[in-house]
Amino acid sequence: MTALSLLLPLLLTAAAQDPMRVLDGGARQQQAVRQAVQQGRYVPLETVVRDALRRYPGQLLEVELDDGKYEIEILGPNGVVMELDYDATSGRLLKMEED
């Protein structure tokens, strides 16, 4: 499965209306992910981003959905980039590591 990349500016401007905006233009993938969120098979992106920023405050750098996992990168105030991986179906934090 191709990773769906989301960058900070798009996330901040589109999150409330369309949290699954895809940069690669993969309309079918985008629709499939949106449908999975609507059907409750994936948790909404804003839920895991909010949790990630609560756990590791900083600047959101990147979010990807890859193989049923949200991968979130945050630049902390100490200059360290942390990657937090969440299960897309449950929203459960799977791992948190320096990137």
N, C-alpha and C. Protein backbone atom coordinates (compact mmCIF):
# COMPACT_ATOMS: atom_id res chain seq x y z
N MET A 1 0.85 -1.18 0.00
CA MET A 1 0.00 0.00 0.00
C MET A 1 0.89 1.24 0.00
N THR A 2 0.54 2.20 -0.78
CA THR A 2 1.29 3.45 -0.85
C THR A 2 0.94 4.31 0.36
N ALA A 3 1.94 4.94 0.94
CA ALA A 3 1.71 5.81 2.10
C ALA A 3 0.94 7.05 1.67
N LEU A 4 0.03 7.47 2.51
CA LEU A 4 -0.71 8.71 2.27
C LEU A 4 -0.06 9.79 3.12
N SER A 5 0.57 10.74 2.47
CA SER A 5 1.31 11.77 3.20
C SER A 5 0.46 13.01 3.39
N LEU A 6 0.52 13.54 4.59
CA LEU A 6 -0.18 14.78 4.93
C LEU A 6 0.84 15.72 5.54
N LEU A 7 0.91 16.92 5.06
CA LEU A 7 1.83 17.90 5.61
C LEU A 7 1.10 18.89 6.48
N LEU A 8 1.82 19.51 7.38
CA LEU A 8 1.26 20.41 8.36
C LEU A 8 0.34 21.49 7.78
N PRO A 9 0.73 22.25 6.76
CA PRO A 9 -0.17 23.30 6.28
C PRO A 9 -1.51 22.76 5.79
N LEU A 10 -1.49 21.67 5.09
CA LEU A 10 -2.75 21.09 4.64
C LEU A 10 -3.57 20.56 5.80
N LEU A 11 -2.90 19.96 6.77
CA LEU A 11 -3.60 19.43 7.93
C LEU A 11 -4.29 20.56 8.69
N LEU A 12 -3.57 21.64 8.89
CA LEU A 12 -4.13 22.75 9.66
C LEU A 12 -5.28 23.44 8.92
N THR A 13 -5.19 23.54 7.62
CA THR A 13 -6.24 24.24 6.88
C THR A 13 -7.41 23.34 6.53
N ALA A 14 -7.17 22.05 6.42
CA ALA A 14 -8.23 21.16 5.95
C ALA A 14 -8.73 20.19 7.00
N ALA A 15 -8.12 20.13 8.17
CA ALA A 15 -8.44 19.09 9.15
C ALA A 15 -9.90 19.05 9.55
N ALA A 16 -10.50 20.18 9.78
CA ALA A 16 -11.89 20.18 10.24
C ALA A 16 -12.84 19.68 9.17
N GLN A 17 -12.56 19.98 7.91
CA GLN A 17 -13.45 19.60 6.84
C GLN A 17 -13.06 18.28 6.20
N ASP A 18 -11.76 18.03 6.05
CA ASP A 18 -11.31 16.88 5.27
C ASP A 18 -9.98 16.37 5.82
N PRO A 19 -9.98 15.63 6.93
CA PRO A 19 -8.72 15.23 7.55
C PRO A 19 -7.92 14.23 6.74
N MET A 20 -8.48 13.64 5.70
CA MET A 20 -7.79 12.63 4.94
C MET A 20 -7.31 13.14 3.59
N ARG A 21 -7.06 14.43 3.49
CA ARG A 21 -6.58 15.01 2.24
C ARG A 21 -5.27 14.37 1.82
N VAL A 22 -5.18 13.96 0.59
CA VAL A 22 -4.02 13.23 0.10
C VAL A 22 -3.26 14.08 -0.90
N LEU A 23 -1.94 14.13 -0.74
CA LEU A 23 -1.12 14.94 -1.64
C LEU A 23 -0.83 14.24 -2.95
N ASP A 24 -0.84 12.93 -2.97
CA ASP A 24 -0.45 12.23 -4.19
C ASP A 24 -1.57 12.16 -5.22
N GLY A 25 -2.72 12.71 -4.93
CA GLY A 25 -3.81 12.74 -5.89
C GLY A 25 -4.50 11.40 -6.07
N GLY A 26 -4.21 10.43 -5.22
CA GLY A 26 -4.82 9.10 -5.32
C GLY A 26 -6.26 9.15 -4.88
N ALA A 27 -7.14 9.57 -5.78
CA ALA A 27 -8.56 9.77 -5.44
C ALA A 27 -9.20 8.51 -4.90
N ARG A 28 -8.89 7.35 -5.48
CA ARG A 28 -9.49 6.11 -4.99
C ARG A 28 -9.02 5.78 -3.59
N GLN A 29 -7.74 5.97 -3.33
CA GLN A 29 -7.22 5.73 -1.98
C GLN A 29 -7.84 6.70 -0.99
N GLN A 30 -7.91 7.95 -1.39
CA GLN A 30 -8.49 8.97 -0.52
C GLN A 30 -9.93 8.62 -0.18
N GLN A 31 -10.70 8.24 -1.17
CA GLN A 31 -12.09 7.88 -0.93
C GLN A 31 -12.20 6.64 -0.04
N ALA A 32 -11.35 5.67 -0.25
CA ALA A 32 -11.38 4.45 0.56
C ALA A 32 -11.08 4.75 2.02
N VAL A 33 -10.11 5.63 2.27
CA VAL A 33 -9.77 5.99 3.65
C VAL A 33 -10.90 6.80 4.27
N ARG A 34 -11.44 7.75 3.52
CA ARG A 34 -12.55 8.56 4.04
C ARG A 34 -13.74 7.65 4.40
N GLN A 35 -14.00 6.68 3.54
CA GLN A 35 -15.10 5.75 3.78
C GLN A 35 -14.82 4.89 5.03
N ALA A 36 -13.57 4.47 5.20
CA ALA A 36 -13.21 3.68 6.38
C ALA A 36 -13.43 4.48 7.66
N VAL A 37 -13.12 5.78 7.63
CA VAL A 37 -13.36 6.63 8.80
C VAL A 37 -14.86 6.78 9.04
N GLN A 38 -15.61 7.05 7.98
CA GLN A 38 -17.06 7.21 8.11
C GLN A 38 -17.75 5.95 8.62
N GLN A 39 -17.23 4.80 8.23
CA GLN A 39 -17.82 3.52 8.65
C GLN A 39 -17.30 3.05 10.01
N GLY A 40 -16.39 3.81 10.59
CA GLY A 40 -15.87 3.47 11.90
C GLY A 40 -14.76 2.42 11.87
N ARG A 41 -14.25 2.10 10.70
CA ARG A 41 -13.16 1.12 10.61
C ARG A 41 -11.81 1.75 10.95
N TYR A 42 -11.66 3.05 10.70
CA TYR A 42 -10.47 3.81 11.11
C TYR A 42 -10.93 4.94 12.01
N VAL A 43 -10.09 5.25 12.99
CA VAL A 43 -10.39 6.41 13.84
C VAL A 43 -10.04 7.67 13.06
N PRO A 44 -10.71 8.78 13.33
CA PRO A 44 -10.40 10.03 12.63
C PRO A 44 -8.96 10.47 12.91
N LEU A 45 -8.34 11.02 11.91
CA LEU A 45 -6.96 11.49 12.02
C LEU A 45 -6.79 12.49 13.15
N GLU A 46 -7.72 13.42 13.28
CA GLU A 46 -7.55 14.45 14.31
C GLU A 46 -7.50 13.86 15.71
N THR A 47 -8.10 12.70 15.93
CA THR A 47 -8.07 12.04 17.24
C THR A 47 -6.65 11.62 17.60
N VAL A 48 -5.95 10.98 16.66
CA VAL A 48 -4.60 10.52 16.96
C VAL A 48 -3.60 11.68 16.97
N VAL A 49 -3.81 12.68 16.12
CA VAL A 49 -2.91 13.84 16.13
C VAL A 49 -3.02 14.57 17.46
N ARG A 50 -4.23 14.74 17.94
CA ARG A 50 -4.43 15.40 19.24
C ARG A 50 -3.72 14.63 20.35
N ASP A 51 -3.86 13.31 20.34
CA ASP A 51 -3.21 12.49 21.36
C ASP A 51 -1.69 12.57 21.24
N ALA A 52 -1.18 12.52 20.02
CA ALA A 52 0.27 12.58 19.80
C ALA A 52 0.85 13.90 20.32
N LEU A 53 0.17 15.01 20.03
CA LEU A 53 0.65 16.31 20.49
C LEU A 53 0.51 16.47 22.00
N ARG A 54 -0.43 15.78 22.59
CA ARG A 54 -0.56 15.79 24.06
C ARG A 54 0.62 15.03 24.68
N ARG A 55 0.98 13.91 24.08
CA ARG A 55 2.07 13.09 24.60
C ARG A 55 3.44 13.72 24.34
N TYR A 56 3.59 14.38 23.19
CA TYR A 56 4.86 14.96 22.79
C TYR A 56 4.60 16.31 22.14
N PRO A 57 4.45 17.36 22.95
CA PRO A 57 4.15 18.69 22.41
C PRO A 57 5.26 19.17 21.47
N GLY A 58 4.85 19.85 20.42
CA GLY A 58 5.82 20.39 19.48
C GLY A 58 5.13 20.75 18.18
N GLN A 59 5.91 20.77 17.12
CA GLN A 59 5.41 21.14 15.79
C GLN A 59 5.17 19.87 14.98
N LEU A 60 3.95 19.71 14.52
CA LEU A 60 3.59 18.57 13.69
C LEU A 60 4.31 18.70 12.35
N LEU A 61 5.07 17.68 11.97
CA LEU A 61 5.83 17.72 10.73
C LEU A 61 5.18 16.92 9.62
N GLU A 62 4.73 15.71 9.94
CA GLU A 62 4.22 14.83 8.89
C GLU A 62 3.31 13.77 9.49
N VAL A 63 2.32 13.38 8.69
CA VAL A 63 1.44 12.28 9.06
C VAL A 63 1.30 11.38 7.84
N GLU A 64 1.45 10.08 8.05
CA GLU A 64 1.25 9.12 6.98
C GLU A 64 0.31 8.03 7.46
N LEU A 65 -0.43 7.49 6.53
CA LEU A 65 -1.22 6.29 6.80
C LEU A 65 -0.61 5.20 5.95
N ASP A 66 -0.04 4.19 6.60
CA ASP A 66 0.67 3.14 5.88
C ASP A 66 0.36 1.80 6.54
N ASP A 67 -0.17 0.88 5.77
CA ASP A 67 -0.47 -0.47 6.27
C ASP A 67 -1.33 -0.45 7.53
N GLY A 68 -2.34 0.39 7.55
CA GLY A 68 -3.25 0.43 8.69
C GLY A 68 -2.68 1.11 9.92
N LYS A 69 -1.61 1.89 9.72
CA LYS A 69 -0.96 2.59 10.82
C LYS A 69 -0.83 4.07 10.50
N TYR A 70 -1.23 4.92 11.44
CA TYR A 70 -0.93 6.34 11.32
C TYR A 70 0.48 6.53 11.88
N GLU A 71 1.35 7.16 11.10
CA GLU A 71 2.71 7.47 11.54
C GLU A 71 2.82 8.98 11.62
N ILE A 72 3.05 9.48 12.82
CA ILE A 72 3.04 10.93 13.08
C ILE A 72 4.43 11.36 13.53
N GLU A 73 4.96 12.39 12.87
CA GLU A 73 6.27 12.94 13.25
C GLU A 73 6.07 14.34 13.83
N ILE A 74 6.70 14.55 14.98
CA ILE A 74 6.60 15.83 15.70
C ILE A 74 8.01 16.30 16.05
N LEU A 75 8.27 17.57 15.78
CA LEU A 75 9.53 18.20 16.18
C LEU A 75 9.31 18.82 17.56
N GLY A 76 10.02 18.31 18.54
CA GLY A 76 9.88 18.83 19.90
C GLY A 76 10.67 20.10 20.10
N PRO A 77 10.40 20.83 21.19
CA PRO A 77 11.10 22.08 21.46
C PRO A 77 12.59 21.87 21.69
N ASN A 78 13.00 20.64 21.98
CA ASN A 78 14.41 20.31 22.19
C ASN A 78 15.13 19.97 20.88
N GLY A 79 14.41 20.06 19.74
CA GLY A 79 15.00 19.78 18.44
C GLY A 79 14.96 18.32 18.03
N VAL A 80 14.38 17.47 18.86
CA VAL A 80 14.30 16.05 18.56
C VAL A 80 13.00 15.75 17.83
N VAL A 81 13.10 14.98 16.74
CA VAL A 81 11.91 14.54 16.01
C VAL A 81 11.48 13.19 16.58
N MET A 82 10.24 13.12 17.00
CA MET A 82 9.68 11.90 17.57
C MET A 82 8.66 11.34 16.59
N GLU A 83 8.69 10.03 16.39
CA GLU A 83 7.68 9.37 15.57
C GLU A 83 6.78 8.57 16.49
N LEU A 84 5.48 8.78 16.35
CA LEU A 84 4.48 8.04 17.11
C LEU A 84 3.64 7.26 16.12
N ASP A 85 3.52 5.97 16.33
CA ASP A 85 2.73 5.11 15.46
C ASP A 85 1.47 4.68 16.19
N TYR A 86 0.34 4.81 15.49
CA TYR A 86 -0.97 4.46 16.05
C TYR A 86 -1.66 3.44 15.15
N ASP A 87 -2.34 2.51 15.75
CA ASP A 87 -3.20 1.60 15.01
C ASP A 87 -4.37 2.41 14.47
N ALA A 88 -4.59 2.39 13.16
CA ALA A 88 -5.64 3.20 12.55
C ALA A 88 -7.03 2.69 12.90
N THR A 89 -7.16 1.42 13.23
CA THR A 89 -8.49 0.89 13.54
C THR A 89 -8.92 1.17 14.97
N SER A 90 -7.95 1.17 15.90
CA SER A 90 -8.31 1.37 17.31
C SER A 90 -7.88 2.71 17.87
N GLY A 91 -6.91 3.35 17.22
CA GLY A 91 -6.36 4.60 17.73
C GLY A 91 -5.34 4.38 18.84
N ARG A 92 -4.99 3.13 19.10
CA ARG A 92 -4.05 2.79 20.18
C ARG A 92 -2.62 3.12 19.76
N LEU A 93 -1.86 3.73 20.67
CA LEU A 93 -0.46 4.03 20.42
C LEU A 93 0.31 2.72 20.37
N LEU A 94 1.03 2.48 19.27
CA LEU A 94 1.79 1.25 19.10
C LEU A 94 3.24 1.43 19.53
N LYS A 95 3.83 2.56 19.14
CA LYS A 95 5.21 2.82 19.56
C LYS A 95 5.50 4.30 19.44
N MET A 96 6.52 4.70 20.18
CA MET A 96 6.97 6.09 20.19
C MET A 96 8.48 6.03 20.23
N GLU A 97 9.14 6.61 19.21
CA GLU A 97 10.59 6.54 19.16
C GLU A 97 11.16 7.78 18.48
N GLU A 98 12.41 8.08 18.81
CA GLU A 98 13.11 9.17 18.14
C GLU A 98 13.33 8.77 16.69
N ASP A 99 13.10 9.73 15.80
CA ASP A 99 13.25 9.45 14.37
C ASP A 99 14.60 9.92 13.89
